[in-house]
Protein backbone atom coordinates (compact mmCIF):
# COMPACT_ATOMS: atom_id res chain seq x y z
CA MET A 1 -133.70 124.95 -55.67
CA MET A 2 -137.19 126.46 -55.41
CA ARG A 3 -138.11 129.24 -57.81
CA ASP A 4 -138.61 132.76 -56.36
CA VAL A 5 -141.94 133.63 -57.99
CA GLN A 6 -142.29 137.01 -56.23
CA SER A 7 -139.09 138.29 -57.82
CA SER A 8 -140.08 137.21 -61.32
CA LEU A 9 -140.69 139.82 -64.01
CA ASP A 10 -144.11 141.47 -64.35
CA GLU A 11 -144.81 143.00 -67.75
CA ARG A 12 -147.93 145.08 -66.98
CA GLY A 13 -145.89 148.17 -66.15
CA ILE A 14 -147.75 149.14 -62.96
CA ALA A 15 -145.80 150.09 -59.84
CA ILE A 16 -147.79 149.45 -56.65
CA GLN A 17 -147.59 152.28 -54.12
CA ARG A 18 -148.14 150.15 -51.01
CA VAL A 19 -148.03 146.38 -50.67
CA GLY A 20 -147.36 144.27 -47.59
CA VAL A 21 -149.09 142.81 -44.54
CA SER A 22 -152.03 144.04 -42.47
CA ASP A 23 -153.97 142.88 -39.41
CA VAL A 24 -150.79 141.56 -37.81
CA HIS A 25 -151.03 141.41 -34.00
CA LEU A 26 -147.92 141.70 -31.83
CA PRO A 27 -147.16 143.00 -28.32
CA PHE A 28 -145.06 146.12 -27.91
CA LEU A 29 -143.87 148.35 -25.07
CA ILE A 30 -144.80 152.04 -25.31
CA LYS A 31 -142.97 154.66 -23.25
CA THR A 32 -145.23 156.53 -20.83
CA LYS A 33 -144.99 160.11 -19.60
CA GLU A 34 -143.86 158.81 -16.18
CA GLY A 35 -140.81 157.21 -17.78
CA ASP A 36 -141.80 153.55 -17.58
CA PHE A 37 -143.36 151.36 -20.30
CA GLN A 38 -146.92 150.22 -20.95
CA PRO A 39 -147.44 146.87 -22.71
CA VAL A 40 -149.90 147.15 -25.61
CA LEU A 41 -151.26 144.78 -28.22
CA ALA A 42 -150.75 146.42 -31.61
CA ASN A 43 -152.61 145.85 -34.86
CA ILE A 44 -150.01 146.38 -37.56
CA ARG A 45 -149.93 147.36 -41.22
CA PHE A 46 -146.47 147.24 -42.79
CA THR A 47 -146.00 148.09 -46.48
CA VAL A 48 -143.44 149.05 -49.11
CA ALA A 49 -143.60 150.45 -52.62
CA LEU A 50 -143.27 147.69 -55.22
CA PRO A 51 -141.44 148.54 -58.48
CA LYS A 52 -143.31 147.80 -61.67
CA GLU A 53 -140.86 145.10 -62.76
CA TYR A 54 -141.49 142.84 -59.72
CA LYS A 55 -144.43 140.45 -59.63
CA GLY A 56 -144.77 140.54 -55.84
CA THR A 57 -143.12 141.30 -52.52
CA HIS A 58 -141.85 138.85 -49.89
CA MET A 59 -144.53 138.89 -47.17
CA SER A 60 -142.57 136.80 -44.67
CA ARG A 61 -139.81 139.41 -44.49
CA PHE A 62 -142.17 141.94 -42.92
CA ILE A 63 -142.85 139.55 -40.04
CA GLU A 64 -139.14 138.75 -39.73
CA ILE A 65 -138.43 142.47 -39.33
CA LEU A 66 -141.22 143.02 -36.80
CA ALA A 67 -140.72 139.99 -34.57
CA PRO A 68 -137.51 141.00 -32.72
CA TRP A 69 -138.88 144.44 -31.87
CA SER A 70 -142.04 143.11 -30.21
CA ARG A 71 -140.01 142.43 -27.05
CA LYS A 72 -138.36 145.86 -26.86
CA PRO A 73 -139.51 149.40 -25.96
CA LEU A 74 -140.85 151.12 -29.05
CA ALA A 75 -140.63 154.77 -30.09
CA GLU A 76 -139.77 156.80 -33.20
CA GLU A 77 -136.15 155.64 -33.38
CA GLU A 78 -137.12 151.96 -33.37
CA MET A 79 -139.80 152.50 -36.02
CA GLU A 80 -137.29 154.23 -38.29
CA ALA A 81 -134.90 151.29 -37.85
CA MET A 82 -137.64 148.85 -38.92
CA LEU A 83 -138.49 150.97 -41.94
CA GLY A 84 -134.84 151.24 -42.93
CA GLU A 85 -134.47 147.48 -42.74
CA ALA A 86 -137.56 147.04 -44.92
CA LEU A 87 -136.16 149.38 -47.56
CA GLU A 88 -132.96 147.36 -47.75
CA ARG A 89 -134.31 143.83 -47.50
CA LEU A 90 -137.18 144.43 -49.91
CA GLN A 91 -135.25 146.74 -52.27
CA ALA A 92 -137.95 149.39 -51.97
CA GLU A 93 -137.91 153.16 -52.42
CA SER A 94 -140.45 153.83 -49.67
CA ALA A 95 -142.00 152.03 -46.70
CA ALA A 96 -144.77 152.70 -44.18
CA LEU A 97 -145.49 151.18 -40.77
CA ARG A 98 -148.68 151.78 -38.77
CA LEU A 99 -149.17 150.43 -35.24
CA SER A 100 -152.70 150.80 -33.83
CA PHE A 101 -153.29 150.08 -30.14
CA LYS A 102 -155.28 150.92 -27.03
CA TYR A 103 -153.42 153.05 -24.52
CA PHE A 104 -154.59 153.37 -20.91
CA VAL A 105 -154.33 156.54 -18.85
CA ASN A 106 -154.99 156.72 -15.10
CA LYS A 107 -157.55 159.37 -14.20
CA ARG A 108 -158.99 160.54 -10.88
CA ALA A 109 -162.67 161.37 -10.49
CA PRO A 110 -163.11 165.13 -9.94
CA VAL A 111 -164.58 164.99 -6.40
CA SER A 112 -164.10 161.52 -4.88
CA GLN A 113 -160.60 161.29 -6.39
CA LEU A 114 -161.12 157.60 -7.07
CA SER A 115 -158.57 156.36 -9.60
CA SER A 116 -159.49 154.41 -12.73
CA CYS A 117 -158.22 153.75 -16.23
CA LEU A 118 -159.57 155.31 -19.41
CA ASP A 119 -158.57 153.80 -22.74
CA PHE A 120 -157.71 155.76 -25.87
CA ASP A 121 -157.46 154.37 -29.40
CA CYS A 122 -154.03 155.44 -30.69
CA PHE A 123 -151.65 154.81 -33.56
CA PHE A 124 -148.05 155.45 -34.51
CA LEU A 125 -147.42 155.94 -38.23
CA GLY A 126 -143.95 156.03 -39.73
CA GLU A 127 -143.32 156.77 -43.43
CA LYS A 128 -139.83 156.71 -44.91
CA ARG A 129 -138.30 157.17 -48.35
CA ARG A 130 -134.84 155.94 -49.22
CA GLY A 131 -132.24 158.54 -48.24
CA GLU A 132 -134.70 160.65 -46.25
CA ALA A 133 -135.69 160.94 -42.60
CA MET A 134 -138.83 159.22 -41.40
CA VAL A 135 -142.04 161.23 -41.15
CA PHE A 136 -143.72 160.27 -37.86
CA SER A 137 -147.40 160.83 -37.01
CA LEU A 138 -149.21 160.24 -33.71
CA GLY A 139 -152.94 159.61 -33.78
CA VAL A 140 -155.31 159.54 -30.80
CA THR A 141 -159.09 159.31 -30.46
CA VAL A 142 -160.36 161.13 -27.37
CA PRO A 143 -163.90 160.54 -26.03
CA PHE A 144 -165.75 163.18 -23.99
CA THR A 145 -169.15 164.78 -23.29
CA THR A 146 -170.70 167.72 -25.10
CA LEU A 147 -173.86 169.64 -24.20
CA CYS A 148 -175.88 171.42 -26.87
CA PRO A 149 -175.90 175.25 -26.54
CA CYS A 150 -179.12 175.54 -28.56
CA SER A 151 -180.93 172.99 -26.39
CA LYS A 152 -179.85 174.82 -23.24
CA GLU A 153 -180.94 178.19 -24.64
CA ILE A 154 -184.47 177.18 -25.69
CA SER A 155 -185.36 174.74 -22.90
CA VAL A 156 -187.11 175.68 -19.66
CA CYS A 157 -184.96 173.15 -17.81
CA GLY A 158 -182.16 170.84 -18.84
CA ALA A 159 -180.37 170.37 -22.15
CA HIS A 160 -179.48 167.36 -24.24
CA ASN A 161 -175.93 166.06 -24.22
CA GLN A 162 -174.09 163.23 -25.90
CA ARG A 163 -170.90 161.20 -26.08
CA SER A 164 -168.45 162.77 -28.51
CA VAL A 165 -164.96 162.13 -29.87
CA THR A 166 -162.07 164.04 -31.35
CA ARG A 167 -159.76 162.11 -33.69
CA ALA A 168 -156.44 163.92 -33.91
CA VAL A 169 -153.28 163.22 -35.89
CA VAL A 170 -150.19 165.34 -35.23
CA ARG A 171 -146.71 165.65 -36.74
CA PHE A 172 -143.85 167.53 -35.11
CA ARG A 173 -140.76 169.00 -36.74
CA PRO A 174 -137.81 166.56 -36.79
CA GLU A 175 -135.79 168.42 -34.15
CA VAL A 176 -138.73 168.54 -31.68
CA PRO A 177 -139.78 165.53 -29.54
CA CYS A 178 -143.33 164.34 -30.16
CA ILE A 179 -145.94 165.04 -27.47
CA TYR A 180 -146.86 162.29 -25.00
CA ILE A 181 -150.19 160.55 -25.55
CA GLU A 182 -151.29 161.60 -22.05
CA ASP A 183 -150.68 165.29 -22.76
CA LEU A 184 -152.35 165.26 -26.18
CA ALA A 185 -155.42 163.51 -24.77
CA ALA A 186 -155.65 165.96 -21.87
CA LEU A 187 -155.31 168.96 -24.20
CA LEU A 188 -158.18 167.73 -26.39
CA GLU A 189 -160.38 166.74 -23.42
CA ALA A 190 -160.08 170.30 -22.14
CA GLN A 191 -161.91 171.57 -25.25
CA ALA A 192 -165.04 169.53 -24.46
CA SER A 193 -168.02 170.30 -22.24
CA SER A 194 -166.72 167.65 -19.82
CA PRO A 195 -164.16 164.82 -19.82
CA LEU A 196 -165.09 161.17 -19.29
CA TYR A 197 -164.00 159.05 -16.33
CA GLY A 198 -163.83 155.33 -15.64
CA ILE A 199 -165.44 155.66 -12.19
CA LEU A 200 -167.98 158.26 -11.04
CA LYS A 201 -169.62 158.28 -7.61
CA ARG A 202 -172.73 160.38 -6.93
CA GLU A 203 -170.73 163.48 -6.02
CA ASP A 204 -168.64 163.08 -9.19
CA GLU A 205 -171.72 162.61 -11.36
CA LYS A 206 -173.23 165.80 -9.96
CA TYR A 207 -170.00 167.65 -10.66
CA VAL A 208 -169.55 166.56 -14.29
CA THR A 209 -173.25 167.04 -15.10
CA GLU A 210 -173.21 170.60 -13.81
CA ALA A 211 -169.82 171.32 -15.37
CA ALA A 212 -171.09 170.25 -18.79
CA TYR A 213 -174.23 172.37 -18.34
CA GLN A 214 -172.08 175.42 -17.63
CA ASN A 215 -169.89 174.72 -20.68
CA PRO A 216 -172.17 174.00 -23.67
CA LYS A 217 -170.46 173.41 -27.02
CA PHE A 218 -171.44 172.64 -30.60
CA VAL A 219 -169.23 170.28 -32.56
CA GLU A 220 -167.93 173.38 -34.34
CA ASP A 221 -166.94 174.90 -30.98
CA VAL A 222 -164.98 171.81 -29.98
CA LEU A 223 -163.20 171.78 -33.33
CA ARG A 224 -162.28 175.48 -33.30
CA ASP A 225 -161.10 175.39 -29.68
CA SER A 226 -159.02 172.29 -30.47
CA VAL A 227 -157.42 174.06 -33.46
CA LEU A 228 -156.47 177.02 -31.25
CA ALA A 229 -155.04 174.70 -28.59
CA LEU A 230 -152.94 172.74 -31.09
CA ARG A 231 -151.57 175.91 -32.69
CA LYS A 232 -149.92 176.71 -29.34
CA LEU A 233 -147.86 173.49 -29.29
CA GLU A 234 -144.21 174.26 -29.89
CA GLY A 235 -142.69 172.46 -32.85
CA LEU A 236 -145.95 171.21 -34.32
CA ALA A 237 -145.64 170.93 -38.12
CA TRP A 238 -149.07 169.63 -39.16
CA PHE A 239 -152.29 168.34 -37.65
CA SER A 240 -155.59 166.87 -38.66
CA LEU A 241 -158.77 166.96 -36.56
CA GLU A 242 -162.15 165.27 -36.80
CA CYS A 243 -164.82 165.96 -34.19
CA GLU A 244 -168.03 163.95 -34.01
CA ASN A 245 -171.06 164.12 -31.70
CA PHE A 246 -173.12 160.93 -31.41
CA GLU A 247 -176.37 162.84 -31.09
CA SER A 248 -178.81 161.79 -28.37
CA ILE A 249 -182.01 163.31 -29.81
CA HIS A 250 -181.25 163.15 -33.56
CA HIS A 251 -180.94 160.12 -35.82
CA HIS A 252 -177.66 161.41 -37.20
CA ASN A 253 -174.26 162.52 -35.94
CA ALA A 254 -172.80 166.03 -36.03
CA PHE A 255 -169.36 166.20 -37.68
CA ALA A 256 -166.60 168.75 -38.28
CA ALA A 257 -163.04 168.39 -39.62
CA HIS A 258 -159.98 170.57 -40.20
CA GLU A 259 -156.27 170.19 -40.99
CA GLU A 260 -153.43 172.63 -41.45
CA PHE A 261 -149.68 173.01 -41.81
CA LEU A 262 -147.92 175.29 -39.36
């Protein structure tokens, strides 16, 4: 019989808060707003708390837990089931599971109405302690255009603009369903000078250029308007926001961040 080294006694007296596997890649099915499922390739980090008396955890058990779910639709309920199994099989007091993936949303150009896909970097994060309900967080990074109010004010013609992003993480109260990725992305895009599109014909380019010019925003404006928009979401318990402009005429980025409990 082979010796179980991981379960052997460790005498250093240090409990490890999170230990497990990272950079695991598996396919999953994510429910869309339309009611069907989008296949995604997820980058996974799966961890548990390791008591101070154990030398190590059993890494293979994380993969054994994940593997069956990679062929099934995935949402909060399934993540909580995986975390519960990890708590039992690894004799842990807490566990965390993060799935990062690209999610594609169909968008129509504003004038030509040509349809194309825009990708958003997203993640699901589940955290669970033994005997408690899972805490679920949804993260999404939304790209868009901003136009500088100062540049517009002081220039005879034109104004500089740039690609920008908002990185949002939201948590809803347990009794309230989480928002769809599509709706969260659209809400945050609406706080920008102009959204981005996969396809723009000449008439679309004219439209978004002029729309951005009529709606100049500093990074602080985008952040504050996003905070006000999120505060209106029913059942939201907590959110975190980071807004960043990848400046086109400066050799630095503009950055703003905010988080709050509701």
